[in-house]
Amino acid sequence: MSEVDDIAELRRFYCDPPDGVRANMIFSLDGAASLHGRAGPLSGPLDQQLFLALRGYADVVLVGAGTCALRGRTDAAR
C-alpha cells in the first residue's frame, strides 16, 4: 500500500458517485472513534481535506445525536 500525498489524487478517486451509499469513518488502531472526546486528533491535514471533499460530494450528511448534543446543534439542516 502506498502513501497518498496529495488531496487531488484522492478527489479523483472519490469524485464519481458509487452505486449505493458511501460512508466515511475514522478510528484508531485500538478501535476508538475519538481521543479525549474529539475525532479531530485522530486525523491529519490530508484526512481532514478528504472529509471536506466527501461532504461536498454528498447529497446527505448524517450526524449522530450524540455529536449534535455535544456541539450544541439543534438545527436539522445547515
N, C-alpha and C. Protein backbone atom coordinates (compact mmCIF):
# COMPACT_ATOMS: atom_id res chain seq x y z
N MET A 1 0.85 -1.17 0.00
CA MET A 1 0.00 0.00 0.00
C MET A 1 0.90 1.23 0.00
N SER A 2 0.61 2.17 -0.87
CA SER A 2 1.42 3.37 -0.95
C SER A 2 0.75 4.52 -0.21
N GLU A 3 1.55 5.49 0.14
CA GLU A 3 1.04 6.66 0.84
C GLU A 3 0.60 7.71 -0.16
N VAL A 4 -0.49 8.39 0.14
CA VAL A 4 -1.01 9.45 -0.72
C VAL A 4 -0.58 10.79 -0.14
N ASP A 5 -0.02 11.63 -0.98
CA ASP A 5 0.49 12.92 -0.52
C ASP A 5 -0.34 14.11 -0.98
N ASP A 6 -1.32 13.88 -1.84
CA ASP A 6 -1.99 14.99 -2.49
C ASP A 6 -3.50 14.78 -2.46
N ILE A 7 -4.25 15.78 -2.02
CA ILE A 7 -5.71 15.68 -1.98
C ILE A 7 -6.29 15.54 -3.38
N ALA A 8 -5.63 16.09 -4.38
CA ALA A 8 -6.13 15.97 -5.76
C ALA A 8 -6.21 14.51 -6.19
N GLU A 9 -5.24 13.70 -5.79
CA GLU A 9 -5.25 12.27 -6.11
C GLU A 9 -6.46 11.59 -5.46
N LEU A 10 -6.74 11.94 -4.22
CA LEU A 10 -7.88 11.35 -3.52
C LEU A 10 -9.20 11.82 -4.12
N ARG A 11 -9.28 13.09 -4.48
CA ARG A 11 -10.52 13.61 -5.08
C ARG A 11 -10.86 12.88 -6.37
N ARG A 12 -9.83 12.59 -7.19
CA ARG A 12 -10.07 11.86 -8.44
C ARG A 12 -10.65 10.48 -8.16
N PHE A 13 -10.20 9.85 -7.10
CA PHE A 13 -10.68 8.52 -6.74
C PHE A 13 -12.12 8.54 -6.25
N TYR A 14 -12.50 9.57 -5.51
CA TYR A 14 -13.82 9.63 -4.87
C TYR A 14 -14.86 10.46 -5.61
N CYS A 15 -14.50 11.19 -6.66
CA CYS A 15 -15.44 12.13 -7.27
C CYS A 15 -16.62 11.46 -7.97
N ASP A 16 -16.44 10.26 -8.50
CA ASP A 16 -17.56 9.56 -9.13
C ASP A 16 -18.41 8.90 -8.05
N PRO A 17 -19.72 9.13 -8.08
CA PRO A 17 -20.58 8.54 -7.04
C PRO A 17 -20.64 7.02 -7.15
N PRO A 18 -20.69 6.34 -6.02
CA PRO A 18 -20.80 4.89 -6.03
C PRO A 18 -22.23 4.45 -6.34
N ASP A 19 -22.38 3.18 -6.67
CA ASP A 19 -23.72 2.60 -6.80
C ASP A 19 -24.18 2.23 -5.40
N GLY A 20 -24.81 3.15 -4.71
CA GLY A 20 -25.26 2.90 -3.34
C GLY A 20 -24.83 4.01 -2.41
N VAL A 21 -24.53 3.63 -1.19
CA VAL A 21 -24.23 4.58 -0.12
C VAL A 21 -22.72 4.61 0.13
N ARG A 22 -22.20 5.79 0.37
CA ARG A 22 -20.79 5.95 0.73
C ARG A 22 -20.73 6.35 2.19
N ALA A 23 -19.88 5.70 2.95
CA ALA A 23 -19.70 6.02 4.37
C ALA A 23 -18.24 6.35 4.61
N ASN A 24 -18.00 7.24 5.55
CA ASN A 24 -16.64 7.63 5.91
C ASN A 24 -16.55 7.69 7.42
N MET A 25 -15.59 6.97 7.97
CA MET A 25 -15.38 6.95 9.42
C MET A 25 -13.90 7.02 9.70
N ILE A 26 -13.58 7.40 10.91
CA ILE A 26 -12.19 7.40 11.35
C ILE A 26 -12.13 6.71 12.71
N PHE A 27 -11.08 5.93 12.90
CA PHE A 27 -10.88 5.28 14.20
C PHE A 27 -9.41 4.94 14.36
N SER A 28 -9.01 4.72 15.59
CA SER A 28 -7.61 4.41 15.89
C SER A 28 -7.36 2.91 15.76
N LEU A 29 -6.12 2.50 15.87
CA LEU A 29 -5.77 1.09 15.78
C LEU A 29 -6.46 0.24 16.84
N ASP A 30 -6.75 0.85 17.99
CA ASP A 30 -7.44 0.08 19.05
C ASP A 30 -8.96 0.17 18.94
N GLY A 31 -9.46 0.78 17.86
CA GLY A 31 -10.90 0.84 17.62
C GLY A 31 -11.60 2.06 18.17
N ALA A 32 -10.89 2.94 18.85
CA ALA A 32 -11.52 4.14 19.40
C ALA A 32 -11.91 5.10 18.27
N ALA A 33 -13.04 5.75 18.42
CA ALA A 33 -13.52 6.71 17.42
C ALA A 33 -13.23 8.14 17.82
N SER A 34 -12.61 8.33 18.99
CA SER A 34 -12.27 9.68 19.43
C SER A 34 -11.10 9.63 20.40
N LEU A 35 -10.51 10.79 20.60
CA LEU A 35 -9.43 10.96 21.57
C LEU A 35 -9.81 12.16 22.41
N HIS A 36 -10.04 11.93 23.69
CA HIS A 36 -10.49 12.99 24.61
C HIS A 36 -11.79 13.63 24.12
N GLY A 37 -12.69 12.77 23.56
CA GLY A 37 -13.99 13.25 23.12
C GLY A 37 -14.04 13.89 21.75
N ARG A 38 -12.92 13.91 21.03
CA ARG A 38 -12.88 14.55 19.71
C ARG A 38 -12.28 13.58 18.69
N ALA A 39 -12.80 13.60 17.47
CA ALA A 39 -12.26 12.75 16.41
C ALA A 39 -11.09 13.43 15.71
N GLY A 40 -11.04 14.75 15.75
CA GLY A 40 -10.00 15.51 15.05
C GLY A 40 -8.58 15.08 15.32
N PRO A 41 -8.22 14.82 16.58
CA PRO A 41 -6.83 14.43 16.86
C PRO A 41 -6.42 13.09 16.24
N LEU A 42 -7.38 12.29 15.78
CA LEU A 42 -7.05 11.01 15.16
C LEU A 42 -6.65 11.16 13.70
N SER A 43 -6.85 12.32 13.13
CA SER A 43 -6.58 12.51 11.71
C SER A 43 -5.54 13.59 11.48
N GLY A 44 -5.05 13.62 10.26
CA GLY A 44 -4.08 14.64 9.86
C GLY A 44 -4.71 15.58 8.85
N PRO A 45 -3.94 16.53 8.35
CA PRO A 45 -4.47 17.52 7.40
C PRO A 45 -5.07 16.89 6.13
N LEU A 46 -4.44 15.86 5.58
CA LEU A 46 -4.96 15.22 4.37
C LEU A 46 -6.29 14.52 4.66
N ASP A 47 -6.39 13.87 5.82
CA ASP A 47 -7.66 13.24 6.22
C ASP A 47 -8.77 14.27 6.30
N GLN A 48 -8.47 15.42 6.88
CA GLN A 48 -9.47 16.46 7.05
C GLN A 48 -9.88 17.05 5.70
N GLN A 49 -8.93 17.19 4.78
CA GLN A 49 -9.26 17.68 3.44
C GLN A 49 -10.16 16.69 2.71
N LEU A 50 -9.87 15.39 2.86
CA LEU A 50 -10.72 14.37 2.24
C LEU A 50 -12.12 14.39 2.84
N PHE A 51 -12.20 14.55 4.15
CA PHE A 51 -13.50 14.62 4.82
C PHE A 51 -14.34 15.76 4.24
N LEU A 52 -13.75 16.91 4.06
CA LEU A 52 -14.47 18.06 3.49
C LEU A 52 -14.84 17.81 2.03
N ALA A 53 -13.96 17.17 1.27
CA ALA A 53 -14.27 16.85 -0.13
C ALA A 53 -15.45 15.89 -0.21
N LEU A 54 -15.45 14.86 0.64
CA LEU A 54 -16.55 13.89 0.64
C LEU A 54 -17.86 14.55 1.02
N ARG A 55 -17.82 15.48 1.97
CA ARG A 55 -19.04 16.21 2.33
C ARG A 55 -19.55 17.01 1.14
N GLY A 56 -18.63 17.54 0.36
CA GLY A 56 -19.02 18.30 -0.84
C GLY A 56 -19.69 17.44 -1.89
N TYR A 57 -19.34 16.16 -1.97
CA TYR A 57 -19.95 15.24 -2.93
C TYR A 57 -21.29 14.70 -2.45
N ALA A 58 -21.55 14.82 -1.17
CA ALA A 58 -22.71 14.16 -0.56
C ALA A 58 -24.03 14.89 -0.85
N ASP A 59 -25.08 14.11 -1.00
CA ASP A 59 -26.43 14.65 -1.06
C ASP A 59 -26.98 14.82 0.35
N VAL A 60 -26.53 13.97 1.26
CA VAL A 60 -26.98 13.98 2.65
C VAL A 60 -25.78 13.69 3.55
N VAL A 61 -25.70 14.38 4.69
CA VAL A 61 -24.69 14.11 5.70
C VAL A 61 -25.44 13.74 6.97
N LEU A 62 -25.20 12.56 7.47
CA LEU A 62 -25.85 12.09 8.68
C LEU A 62 -24.92 12.33 9.87
N VAL A 63 -25.43 13.03 10.86
CA VAL A 63 -24.67 13.34 12.07
C VAL A 63 -25.40 12.72 13.25
N GLY A 64 -24.68 12.00 14.07
CA GLY A 64 -25.29 11.33 15.21
C GLY A 64 -25.83 12.30 16.25
N ALA A 65 -26.84 11.85 17.00
CA ALA A 65 -27.47 12.68 18.03
C ALA A 65 -26.47 13.08 19.10
N GLY A 66 -25.56 12.18 19.45
CA GLY A 66 -24.55 12.50 20.47
C GLY A 66 -23.64 13.62 20.02
N THR A 67 -23.26 13.62 18.75
CA THR A 67 -22.41 14.69 18.21
C THR A 67 -23.16 16.01 18.23
N CYS A 68 -24.42 16.00 17.82
CA CYS A 68 -25.22 17.23 17.84
C CYS A 68 -25.36 17.77 19.26
N ALA A 69 -25.64 16.89 20.20
CA ALA A 69 -25.80 17.32 21.59
C ALA A 69 -24.50 17.87 22.15
N LEU A 70 -23.39 17.20 21.82
CA LEU A 70 -22.09 17.63 22.31
C LEU A 70 -21.72 19.01 21.78
N ARG A 71 -22.07 19.26 20.55
CA ARG A 71 -21.72 20.54 19.92
C ARG A 71 -22.81 21.59 20.03
N GLY A 72 -23.91 21.24 20.69
CA GLY A 72 -24.98 22.21 20.91
C GLY A 72 -25.79 22.54 19.67
N ARG A 73 -25.83 21.63 18.71
CA ARG A 73 -26.58 21.87 17.48
C ARG A 73 -27.97 21.31 17.61
N THR A 74 -28.95 22.11 17.27
CA THR A 74 -30.33 21.65 17.29
C THR A 74 -30.99 21.82 15.93
N ASP A 75 -30.30 22.44 14.98
CA ASP A 75 -30.88 22.66 13.66
C ASP A 75 -30.84 21.36 12.86
N ALA A 76 -31.90 21.14 12.06
CA ALA A 76 -31.97 19.93 11.27
C ALA A 76 -31.16 20.04 9.98
N ALA A 77 -30.97 21.24 9.47
CA ALA A 77 -30.24 21.43 8.23
C ALA A 77 -29.38 22.68 8.35
N ARG A 78 -28.27 22.66 7.64
CA ARG A 78 -27.39 23.83 7.63
C ARG A 78 -27.22 24.33 6.24
